[in-house]
Every structure is written in structure tokens, then in C-alpha cells.
């Protein structure tokens, strides 16, 4: 780990979310590749690797203060442990749901394509969303930033913009009014813009 990464890690453990965002973004490709490789085939149409990654990030933000640096690659090994444990939990839950006549399989889409509606809304930097997404940094940053949101904000944005549900369907799924969904999305987008505006200063300019 470079001196800059070590400094970011120390700040992240102290509770600085921007430092943790910057630290996580470069790891996204490796972590997502591992999740894709280890996600069982029978779950491919029910749970996307990006959904698993999002749950990993939520846990990381909640547990970072308990992280203890035990040398080179310790942070990545910690991320891998969280991801592997999350996969185990998901497999167990899905098998239990299957025995109980649970969820029907649904088609999951590619991360970059599903996140594009959010990128178009956010306009986080001077690049066009498509150009930024091609460099993966903005896509990674959005996934990381989503994990910091309040659960209701995150769920509303996920259903509306990542899964493409209508306001009425989102309201039904969340057991909220349509007005409440509009407010949750508005506040969630406001929080995302603020978070991404801060981290975008550190994007490479390609």
C-alpha cells in the first residue's frame, strides 16, 4: 500500500467518509470480478454482482472503525472477507427462500447500463456521463456513494433508477406514498451530488 493509501486508510478508520470513498474506488474492479467469479450460477438471474457489491460497501462503511491494519494488503483482504461472507449469507438465504417457494428469477442487467440514468441526473463532473463511465471511476464512485445514504434513500434510488421501476411501483414496493417516494429520491439525489462532487476532484482526467 502506498503512503497516500496508508494515509487515506488512517483517515477512513477515524471516520472520514471521503477518505474511505477514495480508498474504495480503485478496488472496485478487483472486488467485483471476485464476486462475479464466486456468485453461484443459480443466483445469476436473481442477484446481480453489483447488488452484492453494494451490500458489501454498506457493511464496510458501518464497520470501518473496527478495522485493524495488519500489514500490506490487509485492507483488501478485509474487503474480500466481507464479500465472501456476504455471498455465503445470500446463498443460504436464497436456498431457504427456494425451499419456501420464494422469489421468482428476474433478469439482471449490466452495472454500467443500469447506473446510467443516475449518471445523467447527477452530472457530477465536467466529463459527459458516458465518457466518465467508460473510465469506471464515476460508476465506482456512485456505487460507493450509494452505500453512505440512509437505507430509505438508497432503496428509493435503486428501485427508481437502477431497476427502472415507476414511482407507483416503487411506492408499492416500499409501502410508501408516491409523494414520499418523490421526496426520498430528491433527498437521496441531493446527498449523492454532494458526495460525488467532493470525490470527483480526485478523478483522473482522461
Protein backbone atom coordinates (compact mmCIF):
# COMPACT_ATOMS: atom_id res chain seq x y z
CA UNK A 1 0.00 0.00 0.00
CA UNK A 2 1.39 3.39 -0.98
CA UNK A 3 1.96 6.16 1.59
CA UNK A 4 -1.06 8.02 0.17
CA UNK A 5 -3.28 4.95 0.57
CA UNK A 6 -1.99 4.41 4.10
CA UNK A 7 -2.91 7.98 4.98
CA UNK A 8 -6.37 7.57 3.45
CA UNK A 9 -6.87 4.36 5.38
CA UNK A 10 -5.92 6.00 8.67
CA UNK A 11 -8.36 8.85 7.98
CA UNK A 12 -11.08 6.40 6.95
CA UNK A 13 -10.71 4.45 10.20
CA UNK A 14 -11.10 7.75 12.05
CA UNK A 15 -14.47 8.17 10.34
CA UNK A 16 -13.71 10.37 7.31
CA UNK A 17 -16.12 9.15 4.62
CA UNK A 18 -14.41 10.98 1.78
CA UNK A 19 -11.16 9.16 2.55
CA UNK A 20 -12.98 5.81 2.53
CA UNK A 21 -14.66 6.66 -0.78
CA UNK A 22 -11.32 7.47 -2.38
CA UNK A 23 -9.82 4.30 -0.95
CA UNK A 24 -12.60 2.00 -2.19
CA UNK A 25 -12.92 3.26 -5.77
CA UNK A 26 -9.65 1.74 -7.10
CA UNK A 27 -10.54 -1.65 -5.57
CA UNK A 28 -13.93 -1.93 -7.27
CA UNK A 29 -12.81 -3.81 -10.38
CA UNK A 30 -10.97 -6.50 -8.44
CA UNK A 31 -13.70 -6.86 -5.84
CA UNK A 32 -16.49 -7.01 -8.42
CA UNK A 33 -14.54 -9.54 -10.52
CA UNK A 34 -14.18 -11.77 -7.46
CA UNK A 35 -17.89 -11.52 -6.65
CA UNK A 36 -18.80 -12.37 -10.26
CA UNK A 37 -16.47 -15.37 -10.18
CA UNK A 38 -17.81 -16.71 -6.88
CA UNK A 39 -21.52 -15.95 -7.35
CA UNK A 40 -23.23 -19.33 -7.95
CA UNK A 41 -24.82 -19.83 -11.35
CA UNK A 42 -28.24 -20.48 -9.84
CA UNK A 43 -28.22 -16.93 -8.43
CA UNK A 44 -27.21 -15.15 -11.63
CA UNK A 45 -30.80 -14.29 -12.58
CA UNK A 46 -31.85 -13.37 -9.06
CA UNK A 47 -28.99 -11.31 -7.63
CA UNK A 48 -26.53 -9.20 -9.58
CA UNK A 49 -22.87 -8.94 -8.57
CA UNK A 50 -23.41 -5.18 -8.31
CA UNK A 51 -26.17 -5.74 -5.73
CA UNK A 52 -23.79 -7.90 -3.70
CA UNK A 53 -21.08 -5.25 -4.01
CA UNK A 54 -23.49 -2.59 -2.79
CA UNK A 55 -24.25 -4.66 0.32
CA UNK A 56 -20.52 -5.14 0.89
CA UNK A 57 -19.98 -1.38 0.74
CA UNK A 58 -22.79 -0.76 3.22
CA UNK A 59 -21.11 -3.16 5.65
CA UNK A 60 -17.70 -1.58 5.04
CA UNK A 61 -18.98 1.90 5.94
CA UNK A 62 -20.55 0.50 9.09
CA UNK A 63 -17.51 -1.48 10.18
CA UNK A 64 -14.51 0.60 9.07
CA UNK A 65 -13.80 1.98 12.56
CA UNK A 66 -13.19 -1.59 13.75
CA UNK A 67 -10.61 -2.29 11.00
CA UNK A 68 -7.09 -3.06 12.22
CA UNK A 69 -4.22 -2.64 9.81
CA UNK A 70 -2.11 -5.82 9.87
CA UNK A 71 0.28 -5.04 7.08
CA UNK A 72 0.39 -4.94 3.29
CA UNK A 73 -2.88 -5.96 1.57
CA UNK A 74 -4.70 -6.09 4.92
CA UNK A 75 -7.41 -3.73 3.73
CA UNK A 76 -8.08 -5.68 0.53
CA UNK A 77 -8.12 -8.97 2.47
CA UNK A 78 -10.66 -7.40 4.82
CA UNK A 79 -12.84 -6.38 1.87
CA UNK A 80 -12.58 -9.89 0.42
CA UNK A 81 -13.61 -11.44 3.75
CA UNK A 82 -16.69 -9.22 3.92
CA UNK A 83 -17.59 -10.01 0.30
CA UNK A 84 -17.14 -13.78 0.74
CA UNK A 85 -19.21 -13.80 3.93
CA UNK A 86 -21.91 -11.78 2.23
CA UNK A 87 -22.03 -14.28 -0.63
CA UNK A 88 -22.39 -17.13 1.86
CA UNK A 89 -25.29 -15.32 3.55
CA UNK A 90 -27.01 -14.66 0.21
CA UNK A 91 -26.67 -18.28 -0.91
CA UNK A 92 -28.14 -19.51 2.36
CA UNK A 93 -31.00 -17.01 2.19
CA UNK A 94 -31.85 -17.86 -1.42
CA UNK A 95 -31.80 -21.60 -0.74
CA UNK A 96 -34.10 -21.05 2.22
CA UNK A 97 -36.41 -18.91 0.08
CA UNK A 98 -36.44 -21.55 -2.64
CA UNK A 99 -37.47 -24.22 -0.17
CA UNK A 100 -40.26 -21.92 0.95
CA UNK A 101 -41.40 -21.05 -2.58
CA UNK A 102 -39.61 -17.70 -2.62
CA UNK A 103 -38.53 -15.21 -5.28
CA UNK A 104 -39.07 -15.71 -8.99
CA UNK A 105 -35.95 -15.26 -11.12
CA UNK A 106 -35.59 -11.81 -12.67
CA UNK A 107 -33.29 -10.56 -15.41
CA UNK A 108 -30.39 -8.52 -14.08
CA UNK A 109 -28.57 -6.00 -16.23
CA UNK A 110 -25.03 -4.75 -16.63
CA UNK A 111 -23.87 -2.28 -13.97
CA UNK A 112 -22.77 0.49 -16.32
CA UNK A 113 -26.04 0.43 -18.26
CA UNK A 114 -28.32 0.34 -15.21
CA UNK A 115 -26.47 3.14 -13.46
CA UNK A 116 -26.55 5.45 -16.49
CA UNK A 117 -29.89 7.09 -15.53
CA UNK A 118 -28.32 8.17 -12.25
CA UNK A 119 -25.23 9.49 -14.01
CA UNK A 120 -27.39 11.54 -16.36
CA UNK A 121 -29.25 13.05 -13.40
CA UNK A 122 -26.17 13.71 -11.30
CA UNK A 123 -23.78 15.28 -13.86
CA UNK A 124 -21.00 15.03 -11.32
CA UNK A 125 -18.09 16.48 -13.29
CA UNK A 126 -17.06 18.15 -16.50
CA UNK A 127 -16.90 14.88 -18.41
CA UNK A 128 -20.01 13.62 -20.10
CA UNK A 129 -21.52 10.74 -18.09
CA UNK A 130 -20.75 8.22 -20.84
CA UNK A 131 -17.11 9.26 -21.06
CA UNK A 132 -16.67 9.18 -17.31
CA UNK A 133 -18.41 5.82 -17.07
CA UNK A 134 -16.02 4.43 -19.67
CA UNK A 135 -13.18 5.14 -17.25
CA UNK A 136 -15.07 3.28 -14.49
CA UNK A 137 -14.27 5.88 -11.84
CA UNK A 138 -17.70 7.52 -11.81
CA UNK A 139 -19.52 4.19 -11.88
CA UNK A 140 -17.38 3.00 -8.98
CA UNK A 141 -17.90 6.29 -7.12
CA UNK A 142 -21.69 6.09 -7.47
CA UNK A 143 -21.76 2.57 -6.03
CA UNK A 144 -19.59 3.68 -3.12
CA UNK A 145 -21.62 6.84 -2.52
CA UNK A 146 -24.91 4.93 -2.55
CA UNK A 147 -23.66 2.86 0.38
CA UNK A 148 -23.40 6.01 2.52
CA UNK A 149 -27.03 7.01 2.07
CA UNK A 150 -29.78 6.38 4.56
CA UNK A 151 -31.38 3.00 3.76
CA UNK A 152 -34.66 4.55 2.55
CA UNK A 153 -32.85 6.95 0.22
CA UNK A 154 -30.72 4.14 -1.16
CA UNK A 155 -33.70 1.83 -1.69
CA UNK A 156 -35.77 4.51 -3.43
CA UNK A 157 -32.95 5.42 -5.82
CA UNK A 158 -32.15 1.78 -6.51
CA UNK A 159 -35.75 0.90 -7.37
CA UNK A 160 -36.43 4.03 -9.40
CA UNK A 161 -33.20 4.48 -11.33
CA UNK A 162 -31.22 1.24 -11.18
CA UNK A 163 -34.14 -1.14 -11.57
CA UNK A 164 -36.26 1.29 -13.59
CA UNK A 165 -39.46 1.00 -11.57
CA UNK A 166 -42.20 3.60 -11.89
CA UNK A 167 -42.99 5.88 -8.97
CA UNK A 168 -46.19 3.95 -8.26
CA UNK A 169 -44.42 0.57 -8.31
CA UNK A 170 -41.63 1.92 -6.11
CA UNK A 171 -44.21 3.26 -3.66
CA UNK A 172 -45.93 -0.12 -3.57
CA UNK A 173 -42.66 -1.98 -3.09
CA UNK A 174 -41.56 0.33 -0.27
CA UNK A 175 -45.05 0.58 1.23
CA UNK A 176 -44.87 4.36 0.96
CA UNK A 177 -46.96 7.02 -0.75
CA UNK A 178 -45.91 8.30 -4.18
CA UNK A 179 -45.25 11.72 -2.61
CA UNK A 180 -42.92 10.05 -0.10
CA UNK A 181 -41.03 8.30 -2.93
CA UNK A 182 -40.55 11.64 -4.71
CA UNK A 183 -39.15 13.17 -1.51
CA UNK A 184 -36.84 10.21 -0.83
CA UNK A 185 -35.47 10.33 -4.37
CA UNK A 186 -35.00 14.09 -4.25
CA UNK A 187 -33.13 14.00 -0.95
CA UNK A 188 -31.14 10.94 -1.99
CA UNK A 189 -30.02 12.63 -5.21
CA UNK A 190 -29.08 15.73 -3.25
CA UNK A 191 -26.88 13.66 -0.95
CA UNK A 192 -25.32 11.81 -3.89
CA UNK A 193 -24.48 15.06 -5.70
CA UNK A 194 -22.76 16.37 -2.60
CA UNK A 195 -20.79 13.18 -2.04
CA UNK A 196 -19.78 12.78 -5.68
CA UNK A 197 -18.94 16.44 -6.01
CA UNK A 198 -16.37 16.02 -3.25
CA UNK A 199 -14.77 12.82 -4.55
CA UNK A 200 -14.85 13.88 -8.24
CA UNK A 201 -12.00 16.33 -7.52
CA UNK A 202 -9.74 13.28 -7.34
CA UNK A 203 -10.85 11.59 -10.58
CA UNK A 204 -8.20 11.16 -13.24
CA UNK A 205 -8.79 13.41 -16.24
CA UNK A 206 -8.85 11.19 -19.30
